[in-house]
Amino acid sequence: MSDLPDYNIIHADAELLVVEKPTRMLSQPGVGADKKDSLITRLNLVYPTARIVHRLDWETSGLMVIALNAASHRALSIQFQERQTQKTYIAVVHGHLAAEHGSVDAPLAADWNDKPRQMVSPQGRPSLTHWRRLGFEGHNSRVELKPITGRSHQLRVHMLHLGHPMLGDGLYAPPAVLAAAPRLLLHAAELGFTHPTRGEKMLHTSEVPF
């Protein structure tokens, strides 16, 4: 294993785990020897039946729910597919958002000329994000983001579409905005779902590390 910072389990029962993923850790293994280490790889050393339900980007930190058996994996996956989960992210973006809140309804597609980047495209998949400005921090804005859809890089591209790239974003930020933070300032701070066997509404929160 590498010297990456480790995960933190904040809830565990017979059906699932709720885990805080650190920044710069893959959710699951990628292609190539340098991409074998991941959150699920590490979890499987302790929980051999653990299975990924959803993913966070490599640089995004925060909450993930992990299934511990096939039945819970199916039940939780359906909740994500049918948008029955509650997801809240906190980010710091460049510039001052003029409005206090708003929505970005802009379809997203893969940028095949510059993978793995995504882009706003009329031919893309419908993508919707609600946002709320939390305050100003110098020349930047702290913002709460609620993705209604779950497209790849959705929050990062939607903020860029508004003209406010995220600090520390190595894919989408211009050099000065990339250099303004030591990591991508995007954190999955709240995750809500229904427990797959108990039917109980669960809501977990994670302290924002920036």
N, C-alpha and C. Protein backbone atom coordinates (compact mmCIF):
# COMPACT_ATOMS: atom_id res chain seq x y z
N MET A 1 0.84 -1.20 0.00
CA MET A 1 0.00 0.00 0.00
C MET A 1 0.88 1.26 0.00
N SER A 2 0.33 2.33 -0.53
CA SER A 2 1.08 3.57 -0.57
C SER A 2 0.95 4.29 0.76
N ASP A 3 1.57 5.46 0.82
CA ASP A 3 1.49 6.25 2.05
C ASP A 3 0.34 7.26 1.99
N LEU A 4 -0.68 6.95 1.19
CA LEU A 4 -1.86 7.81 1.14
C LEU A 4 -2.52 7.90 2.51
N PRO A 5 -3.16 9.03 2.83
CA PRO A 5 -3.93 9.09 4.07
C PRO A 5 -5.03 8.04 4.03
N ASP A 6 -5.38 7.51 5.19
CA ASP A 6 -6.32 6.40 5.22
C ASP A 6 -7.76 6.88 5.37
N TYR A 7 -8.69 5.97 5.15
CA TYR A 7 -10.11 6.25 5.28
C TYR A 7 -10.52 6.28 6.75
N ASN A 8 -11.74 6.76 6.99
CA ASN A 8 -12.29 6.80 8.34
C ASN A 8 -13.72 6.26 8.29
N ILE A 9 -14.00 5.20 9.05
CA ILE A 9 -15.35 4.63 9.11
C ILE A 9 -16.14 5.37 10.18
N ILE A 10 -17.28 5.96 9.79
CA ILE A 10 -18.09 6.69 10.77
C ILE A 10 -19.36 5.94 11.14
N HIS A 11 -19.70 4.88 10.38
CA HIS A 11 -20.83 4.03 10.74
C HIS A 11 -20.59 2.64 10.16
N ALA A 12 -20.92 1.62 10.94
CA ALA A 12 -20.80 0.24 10.46
C ALA A 12 -21.92 -0.60 11.05
N ASP A 13 -22.57 -1.40 10.22
CA ASP A 13 -23.51 -2.41 10.71
C ASP A 13 -23.40 -3.62 9.79
N ALA A 14 -24.31 -4.57 9.92
CA ALA A 14 -24.19 -5.82 9.16
C ALA A 14 -24.41 -5.63 7.66
N GLU A 15 -25.03 -4.52 7.28
CA GLU A 15 -25.40 -4.31 5.88
C GLU A 15 -24.49 -3.34 5.14
N LEU A 16 -23.91 -2.38 5.85
CA LEU A 16 -23.22 -1.31 5.15
C LEU A 16 -22.20 -0.60 6.04
N LEU A 17 -21.35 0.16 5.38
CA LEU A 17 -20.41 1.07 6.03
C LEU A 17 -20.66 2.47 5.48
N VAL A 18 -20.46 3.48 6.31
CA VAL A 18 -20.37 4.86 5.84
C VAL A 18 -18.94 5.31 6.13
N VAL A 19 -18.25 5.72 5.09
CA VAL A 19 -16.81 5.94 5.15
C VAL A 19 -16.49 7.34 4.66
N GLU A 20 -15.51 7.98 5.30
CA GLU A 20 -14.94 9.22 4.79
C GLU A 20 -13.72 8.88 3.94
N LYS A 21 -13.79 9.21 2.66
CA LYS A 21 -12.66 9.01 1.77
C LYS A 21 -11.78 10.25 1.78
N PRO A 22 -10.47 10.09 1.92
CA PRO A 22 -9.60 11.26 1.85
C PRO A 22 -9.41 11.72 0.41
N THR A 23 -8.92 12.93 0.26
CA THR A 23 -8.56 13.40 -1.07
C THR A 23 -7.42 12.56 -1.63
N ARG A 24 -7.35 12.51 -2.95
CA ARG A 24 -6.27 11.80 -3.66
C ARG A 24 -6.23 10.31 -3.34
N MET A 25 -7.40 9.73 -3.24
CA MET A 25 -7.54 8.28 -3.16
C MET A 25 -8.64 7.87 -4.13
N LEU A 26 -8.35 6.89 -4.98
CA LEU A 26 -9.37 6.36 -5.88
C LEU A 26 -10.48 5.67 -5.09
N SER A 27 -11.70 5.75 -5.58
CA SER A 27 -12.80 5.00 -4.97
C SER A 27 -12.66 3.52 -5.25
N GLN A 28 -12.25 3.18 -6.46
CA GLN A 28 -12.02 1.79 -6.85
C GLN A 28 -10.82 1.75 -7.79
N PRO A 29 -10.22 0.58 -7.99
CA PRO A 29 -9.01 0.51 -8.81
C PRO A 29 -9.26 0.96 -10.25
N GLY A 30 -8.22 1.57 -10.82
CA GLY A 30 -8.27 1.93 -12.23
C GLY A 30 -7.39 1.00 -13.04
N VAL A 31 -7.11 1.38 -14.28
CA VAL A 31 -6.28 0.58 -15.17
C VAL A 31 -4.82 0.98 -14.98
N GLY A 32 -3.96 -0.01 -14.77
CA GLY A 32 -2.54 0.26 -14.60
C GLY A 32 -2.08 0.00 -13.18
N ALA A 33 -0.80 -0.33 -13.06
CA ALA A 33 -0.24 -0.68 -11.75
C ALA A 33 -0.30 0.47 -10.76
N ASP A 34 -0.22 1.70 -11.26
CA ASP A 34 -0.23 2.86 -10.37
C ASP A 34 -1.63 3.20 -9.88
N LYS A 35 -2.64 2.48 -10.34
CA LYS A 35 -4.03 2.77 -9.95
C LYS A 35 -4.68 1.58 -9.24
N LYS A 36 -3.87 0.70 -8.69
CA LYS A 36 -4.41 -0.47 -7.99
C LYS A 36 -4.89 -0.12 -6.59
N ASP A 37 -4.22 0.81 -5.94
CA ASP A 37 -4.62 1.19 -4.58
C ASP A 37 -5.90 2.02 -4.64
N SER A 38 -6.83 1.75 -3.74
CA SER A 38 -8.10 2.47 -3.74
C SER A 38 -8.79 2.26 -2.40
N LEU A 39 -9.86 3.01 -2.20
CA LEU A 39 -10.65 2.86 -0.98
C LEU A 39 -11.20 1.44 -0.86
N ILE A 40 -11.83 0.92 -1.92
CA ILE A 40 -12.44 -0.40 -1.81
C ILE A 40 -11.37 -1.48 -1.67
N THR A 41 -10.20 -1.29 -2.28
CA THR A 41 -9.11 -2.25 -2.13
C THR A 41 -8.70 -2.35 -0.67
N ARG A 42 -8.58 -1.21 -0.02
CA ARG A 42 -8.19 -1.20 1.40
C ARG A 42 -9.30 -1.76 2.28
N LEU A 43 -10.54 -1.39 1.98
CA LEU A 43 -11.66 -1.90 2.78
C LEU A 43 -11.77 -3.42 2.66
N ASN A 44 -11.51 -3.95 1.48
CA ASN A 44 -11.63 -5.40 1.28
C ASN A 44 -10.65 -6.20 2.11
N LEU A 45 -9.58 -5.57 2.56
CA LEU A 45 -8.64 -6.27 3.44
C LEU A 45 -9.28 -6.58 4.79
N VAL A 46 -10.22 -5.76 5.20
CA VAL A 46 -10.90 -5.92 6.49
C VAL A 46 -12.33 -6.44 6.29
N TYR A 47 -12.97 -5.99 5.22
CA TYR A 47 -14.35 -6.38 4.91
C TYR A 47 -14.34 -7.00 3.51
N PRO A 48 -14.10 -8.31 3.41
CA PRO A 48 -13.94 -8.94 2.09
C PRO A 48 -15.16 -8.83 1.18
N THR A 49 -16.34 -8.66 1.76
CA THR A 49 -17.56 -8.60 0.94
C THR A 49 -17.95 -7.17 0.57
N ALA A 50 -17.17 -6.18 0.99
CA ALA A 50 -17.52 -4.78 0.73
C ALA A 50 -17.57 -4.49 -0.77
N ARG A 51 -18.61 -3.73 -1.18
CA ARG A 51 -18.80 -3.43 -2.60
C ARG A 51 -19.13 -1.95 -2.77
N ILE A 52 -18.54 -1.36 -3.80
CA ILE A 52 -18.78 0.05 -4.13
C ILE A 52 -20.23 0.23 -4.60
N VAL A 53 -20.90 1.26 -4.09
CA VAL A 53 -22.24 1.61 -4.54
C VAL A 53 -22.19 2.84 -5.45
N HIS A 54 -21.35 3.80 -5.10
CA HIS A 54 -21.18 5.04 -5.88
C HIS A 54 -19.73 5.47 -5.72
N ARG A 55 -19.33 6.49 -6.46
CA ARG A 55 -17.93 6.90 -6.44
C ARG A 55 -17.78 8.38 -6.16
N LEU A 56 -16.63 8.74 -5.63
CA LEU A 56 -16.18 10.12 -5.59
C LEU A 56 -14.92 10.22 -6.45
N ASP A 57 -14.73 11.39 -7.07
CA ASP A 57 -13.52 11.61 -7.85
C ASP A 57 -12.28 11.45 -6.97
N TRP A 58 -11.16 11.17 -7.61
CA TRP A 58 -9.88 10.95 -6.93
C TRP A 58 -9.56 12.07 -5.94
N GLU A 59 -9.76 13.32 -6.33
CA GLU A 59 -9.39 14.43 -5.46
C GLU A 59 -10.51 14.88 -4.54
N THR A 60 -11.72 14.41 -4.74
CA THR A 60 -12.84 14.78 -3.88
C THR A 60 -12.80 13.96 -2.60
N SER A 61 -12.94 14.62 -1.47
CA SER A 61 -12.98 13.92 -0.18
C SER A 61 -14.43 13.85 0.30
N GLY A 62 -14.66 13.00 1.30
CA GLY A 62 -15.97 12.99 1.93
C GLY A 62 -16.65 11.65 1.99
N LEU A 63 -17.97 11.68 2.15
CA LEU A 63 -18.75 10.52 2.54
C LEU A 63 -19.11 9.60 1.38
N MET A 64 -18.97 8.30 1.64
CA MET A 64 -19.42 7.26 0.73
C MET A 64 -20.11 6.17 1.54
N VAL A 65 -21.14 5.55 0.95
CA VAL A 65 -21.75 4.38 1.57
C VAL A 65 -21.27 3.15 0.81
N ILE A 66 -20.90 2.12 1.56
CA ILE A 66 -20.35 0.89 1.02
C ILE A 66 -21.26 -0.27 1.44
N ALA A 67 -21.69 -1.09 0.49
CA ALA A 67 -22.53 -2.25 0.82
C ALA A 67 -21.67 -3.41 1.27
N LEU A 68 -22.22 -4.23 2.18
CA LEU A 68 -21.49 -5.39 2.68
C LEU A 68 -22.05 -6.72 2.19
N ASN A 69 -23.09 -6.68 1.38
CA ASN A 69 -23.62 -7.91 0.78
C ASN A 69 -24.37 -7.55 -0.49
N ALA A 70 -24.70 -8.55 -1.29
CA ALA A 70 -25.31 -8.32 -2.60
C ALA A 70 -26.69 -7.67 -2.49
N ALA A 71 -27.49 -8.09 -1.52
CA ALA A 71 -28.84 -7.54 -1.39
C ALA A 71 -28.80 -6.06 -1.04
N SER A 72 -27.94 -5.69 -0.11
CA SER A 72 -27.81 -4.27 0.25
C SER A 72 -27.23 -3.46 -0.90
N HIS A 73 -26.32 -4.07 -1.65
CA HIS A 73 -25.75 -3.38 -2.81
C HIS A 73 -26.85 -3.06 -3.82
N ARG A 74 -27.73 -4.01 -4.09
CA ARG A 74 -28.84 -3.77 -5.03
C ARG A 74 -29.76 -2.68 -4.51
N ALA A 75 -30.13 -2.76 -3.24
CA ALA A 75 -31.07 -1.80 -2.67
C ALA A 75 -30.50 -0.39 -2.66
N LEU A 76 -29.25 -0.25 -2.27
CA LEU A 76 -28.62 1.07 -2.23
C LEU A 76 -28.40 1.61 -3.64
N SER A 77 -27.99 0.75 -4.56
CA SER A 77 -27.76 1.18 -5.95
C SER A 77 -29.04 1.74 -6.56
N ILE A 78 -30.17 1.11 -6.27
CA ILE A 78 -31.45 1.59 -6.79
C ILE A 78 -31.74 2.99 -6.25
N GLN A 79 -31.44 3.23 -4.98
CA GLN A 79 -31.68 4.56 -4.41
C GLN A 79 -30.87 5.62 -5.15
N PHE A 80 -29.62 5.33 -5.49
CA PHE A 80 -28.82 6.29 -6.23
C PHE A 80 -29.35 6.46 -7.65
N GLN A 81 -29.72 5.36 -8.30
CA GLN A 81 -30.23 5.44 -9.67
C GLN A 81 -31.53 6.22 -9.75
N GLU A 82 -32.38 6.07 -8.74
CA GLU A 82 -33.68 6.73 -8.75
C GLU A 82 -33.67 8.06 -8.00
N ARG A 83 -32.48 8.53 -7.66
CA ARG A 83 -32.29 9.86 -7.04
C ARG A 83 -33.06 9.98 -5.73
N GLN A 84 -32.98 8.92 -4.93
CA GLN A 84 -33.65 8.92 -3.63
C GLN A 84 -32.68 9.21 -2.49
N THR A 85 -31.45 9.53 -2.83
CA THR A 85 -30.45 9.86 -1.82
C THR A 85 -30.36 11.37 -1.66
N GLN A 86 -29.76 11.79 -0.56
CA GLN A 86 -29.54 13.21 -0.29
C GLN A 86 -28.03 13.45 -0.24
N LYS A 87 -27.53 14.29 -1.14
CA LYS A 87 -26.10 14.54 -1.22
C LYS A 87 -25.84 16.04 -1.17
N THR A 88 -24.97 16.46 -0.27
CA THR A 88 -24.58 17.86 -0.16
C THR A 88 -23.07 17.95 -0.14
N TYR A 89 -22.55 18.83 -0.97
CA TYR A 89 -21.11 19.06 -1.07
C TYR A 89 -20.80 20.50 -0.69
N ILE A 90 -19.59 20.71 -0.20
CA ILE A 90 -19.08 22.06 0.05
C ILE A 90 -17.87 22.26 -0.85
N ALA A 91 -17.79 23.43 -1.48
CA ALA A 91 -16.66 23.75 -2.34
C ALA A 91 -16.26 25.21 -2.14
N VAL A 92 -15.05 25.53 -2.52
CA VAL A 92 -14.60 26.92 -2.62
C VAL A 92 -14.28 27.17 -4.08
N VAL A 93 -14.92 28.20 -4.64
CA VAL A 93 -14.76 28.51 -6.06
C VAL A 93 -14.14 29.89 -6.22
N HIS A 94 -13.52 30.09 -7.36
CA HIS A 94 -12.88 31.37 -7.66
C HIS A 94 -13.93 32.43 -7.99
N GLY A 95 -13.73 33.63 -7.46
CA GLY A 95 -14.62 34.74 -7.76
C GLY A 95 -15.79 34.82 -6.80
N HIS A 96 -16.54 35.90 -6.91
CA HIS A 96 -17.70 36.13 -6.06
C HIS A 96 -18.98 35.80 -6.82
N LEU A 97 -19.70 34.80 -6.32
CA LEU A 97 -21.01 34.49 -6.89
C LEU A 97 -21.95 35.65 -6.59
N ALA A 98 -22.53 36.23 -7.61
CA ALA A 98 -23.33 37.44 -7.43
C ALA A 98 -24.64 37.15 -6.71
N ALA A 99 -25.28 36.04 -7.05
CA ALA A 99 -26.56 35.68 -6.43
C ALA A 99 -26.32 34.85 -5.17
N GLU A 100 -27.33 34.78 -4.32
CA GLU A 100 -27.22 33.98 -3.10
C GLU A 100 -27.45 32.50 -3.37
N HIS A 101 -28.22 32.20 -4.39
CA HIS A 101 -28.49 30.79 -4.72
C HIS A 101 -28.93 30.70 -6.16
N GLY A 102 -28.95 29.49 -6.67
CA GLY A 102 -29.37 29.29 -8.05
C GLY A 102 -29.27 27.83 -8.44
N SER A 103 -29.48 27.57 -9.71
CA SER A 103 -29.39 26.21 -10.25
C SER A 103 -28.65 26.25 -11.57
N VAL A 104 -27.96 25.17 -11.86
CA VAL A 104 -27.32 24.99 -13.17
C VAL A 104 -27.98 23.79 -13.82
N ASP A 105 -28.68 24.04 -14.91
CA ASP A 105 -29.35 22.98 -15.68
C ASP A 105 -28.67 22.94 -17.03
N ALA A 106 -27.58 22.17 -17.12
CA ALA A 106 -26.74 22.16 -18.32
C ALA A 106 -26.30 20.73 -18.60
N PRO A 107 -26.66 20.18 -19.76
CA PRO A 107 -26.31 18.79 -20.08
C PRO A 107 -24.80 18.59 -20.21
N LEU A 108 -24.33 17.43 -19.80
CA LEU A 108 -22.90 17.14 -19.79
C LEU A 108 -22.58 15.94 -20.68
N ALA A 109 -21.43 16.04 -21.34
CA ALA A 109 -20.94 14.96 -22.20
C ALA A 109 -19.44 14.84 -22.05
N ALA A 110 -18.90 13.68 -22.40
CA ALA A 110 -17.46 13.49 -22.37
C ALA A 110 -16.80 14.35 -23.45
N ASP A 111 -15.67 14.94 -23.11
CA ASP A 111 -14.86 15.67 -24.09
C ASP A 111 -13.88 14.67 -24.69
N TRP A 112 -14.27 14.05 -25.80
CA TRP A 112 -13.48 12.95 -26.36
C TRP A 112 -12.12 13.41 -26.86
N ASN A 113 -11.95 14.70 -27.08
CA ASN A 113 -10.65 15.23 -27.52
C ASN A 113 -9.73 15.54 -26.35
N ASP A 114 -10.26 15.44 -25.13
CA ASP A 114 -9.45 15.80 -23.96
C ASP A 114 -9.93 14.98 -22.76
N LYS A 115 -9.87 13.66 -22.88
CA LYS A 115 -10.28 12.79 -21.78
C LYS A 115 -9.33 12.96 -20.60
N PRO A 116 -9.82 12.86 -19.33
CA PRO A 116 -11.19 12.47 -18.94
C PRO A 116 -12.12 13.66 -18.70
N ARG A 117 -11.81 14.81 -19.28
CA ARG A 117 -12.64 15.99 -19.05
C ARG A 117 -14.06 15.78 -19.58
N GLN A 118 -14.99 16.44 -18.89
CA GLN A 118 -16.38 16.51 -19.33
C GLN A 118 -16.66 17.94 -19.78
N MET A 119 -17.75 18.13 -20.50
CA MET A 119 -18.07 19.48 -20.98
C MET A 119 -19.58 19.64 -21.11
N VAL A 120 -20.02 20.89 -21.06
CA VAL A 120 -21.42 21.20 -21.32
C VAL A 120 -21.66 21.05 -22.82
N SER A 121 -22.70 20.30 -23.17
CA SER A 121 -22.99 20.04 -24.59
C SER A 121 -24.48 19.82 -24.77
N PRO A 122 -25.08 20.39 -25.83
CA PRO A 122 -26.50 20.14 -26.09
C PRO A 122 -26.80 18.66 -26.31
N GLN A 123 -25.78 17.90 -26.73
CA GLN A 123 -25.97 16.46 -26.95
C GLN A 123 -25.68 15.64 -25.70
N GLY A 124 -25.40 16.30 -24.59
CA GLY A 124 -25.05 15.60 -23.36
C GLY A 124 -26.25 15.07 -22.60
N ARG A 125 -25.96 14.44 -21.48
CA ARG A 125 -27.02 13.89 -20.62
C ARG A 125 -27.54 14.99 -19.70
N PRO A 126 -28.84 15.03 -19.44
CA PRO A 126 -29.40 16.06 -18.55
C PRO A 126 -28.69 16.06 -17.20
N SER A 127 -28.35 17.26 -16.73
CA SER A 127 -27.58 17.39 -15.48
C SER A 127 -28.05 18.63 -14.75
N LEU A 128 -28.35 18.46 -13.46
CA LEU A 128 -28.92 19.56 -12.67
C LEU A 128 -28.23 19.65 -11.32
N THR A 129 -27.80 20.86 -10.98
CA THR A 129 -27.17 21.15 -9.69
C THR A 129 -27.82 22.37 -9.06
N HIS A 130 -28.21 22.28 -7.80
CA HIS A 130 -28.65 23.44 -7.03
C HIS A 130 -27.48 23.93 -6.19
N TRP A 131 -27.32 25.24 -6.09
CA TRP A 131 -26.21 25.78 -5.30
C TRP A 131 -26.69 26.93 -4.41
N ARG A 132 -25.93 27.12 -3.33
CA ARG A 132 -26.23 28.21 -2.39
C ARG A 132 -24.91 28.80 -1.91
N ARG A 133 -24.78 30.10 -2.04
CA ARG A 133 -23.57 30.78 -1.58
C ARG A 133 -23.57 30.86 -0.06
N LEU A 134 -22.46 30.43 0.55
CA LEU A 134 -22.33 30.45 2.01
C LEU A 134 -21.57 31.66 2.51
N GLY A 135 -20.75 32.26 1.65
CA GLY A 135 -19.98 33.43 2.07
C GLY A 135 -18.81 33.66 1.15
N PHE A 136 -18.16 34.81 1.35
CA PHE A 136 -16.98 35.16 0.58
C PHE A 136 -15.73 34.91 1.41
N GLU A 137 -14.67 34.48 0.75
CA GLU A 137 -13.37 34.26 1.40
C GLU A 137 -12.31 34.90 0.51
N GLY A 138 -12.01 36.16 0.79
CA GLY A 138 -11.11 36.90 -0.08
C GLY A 138 -11.74 37.07 -1.45
N HIS A 139 -11.04 36.64 -2.49
CA HIS A 139 -11.56 36.74 -3.85
C HIS A 139 -12.42 35.53 -4.24
N ASN A 140 -12.70 34.67 -3.29
CA ASN A 140 -13.38 33.41 -3.58
C ASN A 140 -14.74 33.32 -2.87
N SER A 141 -15.50 32.30 -3.22
CA SER A 141 -16.81 32.05 -2.60
C SER A 141 -16.88 30.62 -2.09
N ARG A 142 -17.40 30.47 -0.87
CA ARG A 142 -17.70 29.14 -0.35
C ARG A 142 -19.15 28.83 -0.73
N VAL A 143 -19.38 27.64 -1.25
CA VAL A 143 -20.69 27.32 -1.81
C VAL A 143 -21.13 25.92 -1.40
N GLU A 144 -22.43 25.79 -1.17
CA GLU A 144 -23.06 24.49 -0.92
C GLU A 144 -23.67 24.00 -2.23
N LEU A 145 -23.39 22.75 -2.57
CA LEU A 145 -23.83 22.19 -3.84
C LEU A 145 -24.67 20.94 -3.61
N LYS A 146 -25.80 20.87 -4.30
CA LYS A 146 -26.68 19.70 -4.20
C LYS A 146 -26.92 19.17 -5.61
N PRO A 147 -26.21 18.10 -5.98
CA PRO A 147 -26.43 17.52 -7.31
C PRO A 147 -27.72 16.70 -7.34
N ILE A 148 -28.57 16.99 -8.30
CA ILE A 148 -29.80 16.22 -8.46
C ILE A 148 -29.52 15.00 -9.34
N THR A 149 -28.72 15.20 -10.36
CA THR A 149 -28.20 14.09 -11.15
C THR A 149 -26.79 13.77 -10.65
N GLY A 150 -26.21 12.70 -11.15
CA GLY A 150 -24.90 12.27 -10.65
C GLY A 150 -23.91 12.02 -11.77
N ARG A 151 -23.71 12.99 -12.65
CA ARG A 151 -22.80 12.82 -13.77
C ARG A 151 -21.34 12.96 -13.33
N SER A 152 -20.47 12.39 -14.12
CA SER A 152 -19.04 12.50 -13.84
C SER A 152 -18.60 13.96 -13.88
N HIS A 153 -17.91 14.39 -12.83
CA HIS A 153 -17.37 15.75 -12.71
C HIS A 153 -18.46 16.83 -12.75
N GLN A 154 -19.70 16.44 -12.46
CA GLN A 154 -20.82 17.37 -12.62
C GLN A 154 -20.63 18.69 -11.89
N LEU A 155 -20.30 18.64 -10.62
CA LEU A 155 -20.20 19.86 -9.82
C LEU A 155 -19.06 20.74 -10.32
N ARG A 156 -17.95 20.14 -10.68
CA ARG A 156 -16.79 20.89 -11.15
C ARG A 156 -17.10 21.60 -12.46
N VAL A 157 -17.75 20.89 -13.38
CA VAL A 157 -18.05 21.48 -14.69
C VAL A 157 -19.18 22.50 -14.58
N HIS A 158 -20.16 22.27 -13.75
CA HIS A 158 -21.24 23.23 -13.59
C HIS A 158 -20.75 24.54 -12.97
N MET A 159 -19.86 24.46 -12.00
CA MET A 159 -19.30 25.70 -11.45
C MET A 159 -18.43 26.42 -12.48
N LEU A 160 -17.67 25.66 -13.25
CA LEU A 160 -16.89 26.25 -14.34
C LEU A 160 -17.82 26.93 -15.35
N HIS A 161 -18.95 26.30 -15.64
CA HIS A 161 -19.93 26.85 -16.58
C HIS A 161 -20.46 28.20 -16.11
N LEU A 162 -20.53 28.38 -14.80
CA LEU A 162 -20.95 29.67 -14.23
C LEU A 162 -19.83 30.70 -14.24
N GLY A 163 -18.62 30.26 -14.58
CA GLY A 163 -17.47 31.16 -14.55
C GLY A 163 -16.74 31.16 -13.23
N HIS A 164 -16.98 30.12 -12.41
CA HIS A 164 -16.38 30.04 -11.08
C HIS A 164 -15.74 28.66 -10.87
N PRO A 165 -14.56 28.42 -11.46
CA PRO A 165 -13.90 27.12 -11.26
C PRO A 165 -13.51 26.90 -9.81
N MET A 166 -13.43 25.63 -9.42
CA MET A 166 -13.05 25.29 -8.05
C MET A 166 -11.56 25.45 -7.84
N LEU A 167 -11.19 25.93 -6.67
CA LEU A 167 -9.78 26.06 -6.31
C LEU A 167 -9.13 24.68 -6.28
N GLY A 168 -7.91 24.61 -6.81
CA GLY A 168 -7.15 23.37 -6.77
C GLY A 168 -7.60 22.32 -7.76
N ASP A 169 -8.41 22.69 -8.75
CA ASP A 169 -8.93 21.71 -9.71
C ASP A 169 -7.94 21.53 -10.86
N GLY A 170 -7.27 20.40 -10.87
CA GLY A 170 -6.24 20.14 -11.87
C GLY A 170 -6.77 19.87 -13.26
N LEU A 171 -8.07 19.62 -13.41
CA LEU A 171 -8.64 19.36 -14.73
C LEU A 171 -9.29 20.59 -15.35
N TYR A 172 -9.89 21.44 -14.52
CA TYR A 172 -10.73 22.50 -15.07
C TYR A 172 -10.30 23.92 -14.69
N ALA A 173 -9.48 24.09 -13.69
CA ALA A 173 -9.12 25.43 -13.25
C ALA A 173 -7.94 25.98 -14.05
N PRO A 174 -7.93 27.29 -14.34
CA PRO A 174 -6.73 27.89 -14.94
C PRO A 174 -5.58 27.85 -13.94
N PRO A 175 -4.34 28.05 -14.39
CA PRO A 175 -3.17 27.84 -13.51
C PRO A 175 -3.22 28.58 -12.17
N ALA A 176 -3.64 29.83 -12.17
CA ALA A 176 -3.65 30.59 -10.92
C ALA A 176 -4.66 30.04 -9.93
N VAL A 177 -5.80 29.57 -10.42
CA VAL A 177 -6.84 29.01 -9.55
C VAL A 177 -6.42 27.62 -9.07
N LEU A 178 -5.77 26.86 -9.92
CA LEU A 178 -5.22 25.57 -9.51
C LEU A 178 -4.21 25.75 -8.39
N ALA A 179 -3.35 26.75 -8.52
CA ALA A 179 -2.28 26.96 -7.55
C ALA A 179 -2.77 27.59 -6.25
N ALA A 180 -4.03 28.02 -6.21
CA ALA A 180 -4.54 28.73 -5.03
C ALA A 180 -4.87 27.80 -3.87
N ALA A 181 -4.82 26.48 -4.09
CA ALA A 181 -5.11 25.52 -3.02
C ALA A 181 -4.26 24.27 -3.24
N PRO A 182 -3.88 23.59 -2.16
CA PRO A 182 -3.03 22.40 -2.30
C PRO A 182 -3.78 21.15 -2.75
N ARG A 183 -5.09 21.24 -2.87
CA ARG A 183 -5.94 20.12 -3.28
C ARG A 183 -7.21 20.70 -3.88
N LEU A 184 -8.00 19.86 -4.52
CA LEU A 184 -9.32 20.27 -4.98
C LEU A 184 -10.20 20.57 -3.76
N LEU A 185 -10.75 21.77 -3.72
CA LEU A 185 -11.59 22.15 -2.58
C LEU A 185 -13.04 21.76 -2.84
N LEU A 186 -13.28 20.47 -2.75
CA LEU A 186 -14.61 19.88 -2.92
C LEU A 186 -14.74 18.71 -1.96
N HIS A 187 -15.78 18.75 -1.12
CA HIS A 187 -15.94 17.75 -0.07
C HIS A 187 -17.40 17.31 0.01
N ALA A 188 -17.62 16.00 0.01
CA ALA A 188 -18.96 15.43 0.18
C ALA A 188 -19.30 15.44 1.67
N ALA A 189 -20.04 16.46 2.08
CA ALA A 189 -20.22 16.75 3.50
C ALA A 189 -21.45 16.11 4.12
N GLU A 190 -22.40 15.70 3.30
CA GLU A 190 -23.65 15.15 3.84
C GLU A 190 -24.16 14.07 2.89
N LEU A 191 -24.59 12.95 3.48
CA LEU A 191 -25.11 11.84 2.68
C LEU A 191 -26.30 11.22 3.41
N GLY A 192 -27.43 11.23 2.75
CA GLY A 192 -28.64 10.65 3.32
C GLY A 192 -29.20 9.55 2.43
N PHE A 193 -29.70 8.48 3.03
CA PHE A 193 -30.27 7.36 2.29
C PHE A 193 -31.15 6.55 3.24
N THR A 194 -31.88 5.59 2.71
CA THR A 194 -32.71 4.71 3.51
C THR A 194 -31.97 3.40 3.75
N HIS A 195 -31.93 2.98 5.02
CA HIS A 195 -31.23 1.73 5.33
C HIS A 195 -31.88 0.58 4.57
N PRO A 196 -31.10 -0.27 3.92
CA PRO A 196 -31.66 -1.29 3.02
C PRO A 196 -32.50 -2.37 3.69
N THR A 197 -32.32 -2.62 4.97
CA THR A 197 -33.13 -3.65 5.64
C THR A 197 -34.05 -3.06 6.70
N ARG A 198 -33.63 -2.03 7.38
CA ARG A 198 -34.44 -1.47 8.47
C ARG A 198 -35.46 -0.44 7.98
N GLY A 199 -35.25 0.09 6.78
CA GLY A 199 -36.15 1.11 6.27
C GLY A 199 -35.99 2.45 6.96
N GLU A 200 -34.95 2.58 7.75
CA GLU A 200 -34.70 3.80 8.53
C GLU A 200 -34.01 4.85 7.68
N LYS A 201 -34.46 6.10 7.79
CA LYS A 201 -33.80 7.21 7.11
C LYS A 201 -32.50 7.52 7.85
N MET A 202 -31.40 7.53 7.13
CA MET A 202 -30.10 7.79 7.73
C MET A 202 -29.51 9.04 7.09
N LEU A 203 -28.91 9.89 7.92
CA LEU A 203 -28.26 11.10 7.43
C LEU A 203 -26.93 11.25 8.15
N HIS A 204 -25.85 11.23 7.41
CA HIS A 204 -24.52 11.34 7.98
C HIS A 204 -23.86 12.62 7.50
N THR A 205 -23.04 13.20 8.37
CA THR A 205 -22.33 14.43 8.02
C THR A 205 -20.84 14.25 8.26
N SER A 206 -20.06 15.03 7.54
CA SER A 206 -18.60 14.97 7.63
C SER A 206 -18.05 16.38 7.70
N GLU A 207 -17.14 16.61 8.62
CA GLU A 207 -16.54 17.93 8.77
C GLU A 207 -15.73 18.29 7.53
N VAL A 208 -15.91 19.51 7.06
CA VAL A 208 -15.18 19.97 5.87
C VAL A 208 -13.74 20.27 6.26
N PRO A 209 -12.76 19.68 5.57
CA PRO A 209 -11.36 19.82 5.99
C PRO A 209 -10.65 21.05 5.43
N PHE A 210 -11.41 22.00 4.87
CA PHE A 210 -10.78 23.21 4.34
C PHE A 210 -11.67 24.41 4.60
